[in-house]
Amino acid sequence: MASFGHGTRRHPRSRGRTWSRTGPDRATLGIIGVICAIAGFFVLGIILGPVAIVCGWLAMGRTWAGSRPVTAVVALVLGAIDTLLAVIWLAGAATPGNGMLF
């Protein structure tokens, strides 16, 4: 007779509600966020900036307290700067004239 999971499996089904077993780890998310933030300075900043912010936040463990990996904070800050610059650039492109915000 089966023992209903008490020895039939080596690992539990999941690690909990906040993180999946098959998803990327926090260090990988931090690196992906930094790459998206740096690439966002050159192309598609309005898209890659928020992606970098989300990756940085997930790499920090979805919390603002406690110890944070450096790559997560860098991704979060550069993503915020990238998004802000993209919004300013778009606002400048929407105004009449040839320059940014002029």
C-alpha atoms as a PDB file:
ATOM      1  CA  MET A   1       0.000   0.000   0.000  1.00  0.00           C
ATOM      2  CA  ALA A   2       1.218   3.497  -0.810  1.00  0.00           C
ATOM      3  CA  SER A   3       2.316   5.706   1.999  1.00  0.00           C
ATOM      4  CA  PHE A   4       0.812   8.892   0.514  1.00  0.00           C
ATOM      5  CA  GLY A   5       4.049  10.803   0.039  1.00  0.00           C
ATOM      6  CA  HIS A   6       5.929   9.703   3.142  1.00  0.00           C
ATOM      7  CA  GLY A   7       8.831   8.192   1.287  1.00  0.00           C
ATOM      8  CA  THR A   8       7.472   7.791  -2.197  1.00  0.00           C
ATOM      9  CA  ARG A   9       9.079  11.062  -3.271  1.00  0.00           C
ATOM     10  CA  ARG A  10      12.479  12.428  -2.530  1.00  0.00           C
ATOM     11  CA  HIS A  11      11.441  16.068  -2.711  1.00  0.00           C
ATOM     12  CA  PRO A  12       8.273  17.893  -1.708  1.00  0.00           C
ATOM     13  CA  ARG A  13       6.085  19.189  -4.499  1.00  0.00           C
ATOM     14  CA  SER A  14       7.054  22.820  -4.073  1.00  0.00           C
ATOM     15  CA  ARG A  15       9.228  25.060  -1.971  1.00  0.00           C
ATOM     16  CA  GLY A  16       6.337  27.229  -0.904  1.00  0.00           C
ATOM     17  CA  ARG A  17       4.088  29.916  -2.261  1.00  0.00           C
ATOM     18  CA  THR A  18       6.681  32.572  -3.007  1.00  0.00           C
ATOM     19  CA  TRP A  19       9.222  30.721  -5.165  1.00  0.00           C
ATOM     20  CA  SER A  20       9.046  27.833  -7.588  1.00  0.00           C
ATOM     21  CA  ARG A  21      11.567  25.047  -7.791  1.00  0.00           C
ATOM     22  CA  THR A  22      12.103  25.400 -11.530  1.00  0.00           C
ATOM     23  CA  GLY A  23      12.347  29.214 -11.728  1.00  0.00           C
ATOM     24  CA  PRO A  24      15.537  31.251 -11.934  1.00  0.00           C
ATOM     25  CA  ASP A  25      17.384  31.959  -8.719  1.00  0.00           C
ATOM     26  CA  ARG A  26      17.892  35.439  -7.289  1.00  0.00           C
ATOM     27  CA  ALA A  27      21.427  35.917  -8.581  1.00  0.00           C
ATOM     28  CA  THR A  28      20.306  35.153 -12.131  1.00  0.00           C
ATOM     29  CA  LEU A  29      17.396  37.588 -11.867  1.00  0.00           C
ATOM     30  CA  GLY A  30      19.765  40.295 -10.637  1.00  0.00           C
ATOM     31  CA  ILE A  31      22.106  39.769 -13.582  1.00  0.00           C
ATOM     32  CA  ILE A  32      19.192  39.733 -16.045  1.00  0.00           C
ATOM     33  CA  GLY A  33      17.938  42.986 -14.510  1.00  0.00           C
ATOM     34  CA  VAL A  34      21.322  44.690 -14.854  1.00  0.00           C
ATOM     35  CA  ILE A  35      21.625  43.567 -18.488  1.00  0.00           C
ATOM     36  CA  CYS A  36      18.112  44.850 -19.260  1.00  0.00           C
ATOM     37  CA  ALA A  37      18.853  48.170 -17.560  1.00  0.00           C
ATOM     38  CA  ILE A  38      22.098  48.716 -19.462  1.00  0.00           C
ATOM     39  CA  ALA A  39      20.525  47.711 -22.773  1.00  0.00           C
ATOM     40  CA  GLY A  40      17.592  50.007 -22.010  1.00  0.00           C
ATOM     41  CA  PHE A  41      19.870  53.038 -22.103  1.00  0.00           C
ATOM     42  CA  PHE A  42      20.457  52.350 -25.797  1.00  0.00           C
ATOM     43  CA  VAL A  43      17.209  50.781 -27.079  1.00  0.00           C
ATOM     44  CA  LEU A  44      13.621  50.423 -25.819  1.00  0.00           C
ATOM     45  CA  GLY A  45      14.179  52.093 -22.461  1.00  0.00           C
ATOM     46  CA  ILE A  46      10.458  52.427 -21.821  1.00  0.00           C
ATOM     47  CA  ILE A  47      10.143  48.620 -21.895  1.00  0.00           C
ATOM     48  CA  LEU A  48      13.486  47.412 -20.563  1.00  0.00           C
ATOM     49  CA  GLY A  49      13.519  49.865 -17.641  1.00  0.00           C
ATOM     50  CA  PRO A  50      10.422  48.414 -15.950  1.00  0.00           C
ATOM     51  CA  VAL A  51      11.659  44.887 -16.746  1.00  0.00           C
ATOM     52  CA  ALA A  52      14.896  45.714 -14.920  1.00  0.00           C
ATOM     53  CA  ILE A  53      12.926  47.119 -11.973  1.00  0.00           C
ATOM     54  CA  VAL A  54      10.821  43.959 -11.698  1.00  0.00           C
ATOM     55  CA  CYS A  55      13.856  41.663 -12.016  1.00  0.00           C
ATOM     56  CA  GLY A  56      15.701  43.671  -9.360  1.00  0.00           C
ATOM     57  CA  TRP A  57      12.721  43.529  -7.004  1.00  0.00           C
ATOM     58  CA  LEU A  58      12.328  39.790  -7.474  1.00  0.00           C
ATOM     59  CA  ALA A  59      16.071  39.324  -6.976  1.00  0.00           C
ATOM     60  CA  MET A  60      15.806  41.166  -3.666  1.00  0.00           C
ATOM     61  CA  GLY A  61      13.322  38.558  -2.522  1.00  0.00           C
ATOM     62  CA  ARG A  62      10.210  40.728  -2.928  1.00  0.00           C
ATOM     63  CA  THR A  63      11.029  42.718   0.174  1.00  0.00           C
ATOM     64  CA  TRP A  64      12.679  46.032   0.966  1.00  0.00           C
ATOM     65  CA  ALA A  65      14.079  44.889   4.330  1.00  0.00           C
ATOM     66  CA  GLY A  66      17.059  42.687   5.084  1.00  0.00           C
ATOM     67  CA  SER A  67      20.228  42.069   3.144  1.00  0.00           C
ATOM     68  CA  ARG A  68      20.110  42.726  -0.569  1.00  0.00           C
ATOM     69  CA  PRO A  69      22.418  41.455  -3.299  1.00  0.00           C
ATOM     70  CA  VAL A  70      24.357  44.214  -5.044  1.00  0.00           C
ATOM     71  CA  THR A  71      23.184  43.202  -8.513  1.00  0.00           C
ATOM     72  CA  ALA A  72      19.549  43.469  -7.416  1.00  0.00           C
ATOM     73  CA  VAL A  73      19.984  47.027  -6.147  1.00  0.00           C
ATOM     74  CA  VAL A  74      21.948  48.027  -9.257  1.00  0.00           C
ATOM     75  CA  ALA A  75      19.216  46.592 -11.496  1.00  0.00           C
ATOM     76  CA  LEU A  76      16.523  48.405  -9.531  1.00  0.00           C
ATOM     77  CA  VAL A  77      18.284  51.789  -9.555  1.00  0.00           C
ATOM     78  CA  LEU A  78      19.410  51.642 -13.193  1.00  0.00           C
ATOM     79  CA  GLY A  79      15.953  50.471 -14.250  1.00  0.00           C
ATOM     80  CA  ALA A  80      14.362  53.427 -12.468  1.00  0.00           C
ATOM     81  CA  ILE A  81      16.800  55.874 -14.077  1.00  0.00           C
ATOM     82  CA  ASP A  82      16.257  54.242 -17.448  1.00  0.00           C
ATOM     83  CA  THR A  83      12.474  54.478 -17.148  1.00  0.00           C
ATOM     84  CA  LEU A  84      12.649  58.107 -16.023  1.00  0.00           C
ATOM     85  CA  LEU A  85      14.897  59.084 -18.936  1.00  0.00           C
ATOM     86  CA  ALA A  86      12.632  57.284 -21.409  1.00  0.00           C
ATOM     87  CA  VAL A  87       9.564  59.114 -20.074  1.00  0.00           C
ATOM     88  CA  ILE A  88      11.384  62.461 -20.286  1.00  0.00           C
ATOM     89  CA  TRP A  89      12.502  61.649 -23.829  1.00  0.00           C
ATOM     90  CA  LEU A  90       8.956  60.731 -24.845  1.00  0.00           C
ATOM     91  CA  ALA A  91       7.585  63.906 -23.259  1.00  0.00           C
ATOM     92  CA  GLY A  92      10.178  65.919 -25.183  1.00  0.00           C
ATOM     93  CA  ALA A  93       9.297  64.184 -28.428  1.00  0.00           C
ATOM     94  CA  ALA A  94       5.623  65.012 -27.951  1.00  0.00           C
ATOM     95  CA  THR A  95       6.177  68.763 -27.658  1.00  0.00           C
ATOM     96  CA  PRO A  96       6.422  70.972 -30.723  1.00  0.00           C
ATOM     97  CA  GLY A  97       9.978  71.788 -31.715  1.00  0.00           C
ATOM     98  CA  ASN A  98      13.122  69.874 -32.427  1.00  0.00           C
ATOM     99  CA  GLY A  99      14.857  69.552 -29.054  1.00  0.00           C
ATOM    100  CA  MET A 100      14.142  67.671 -25.891  1.00  0.00           C
ATOM    101  CA  LEU A 101      11.592  69.585 -23.812  1.00  0.00           C
ATOM    102  CA  PHE A 102      12.210  72.787 -25.826  1.00  0.00           C
END
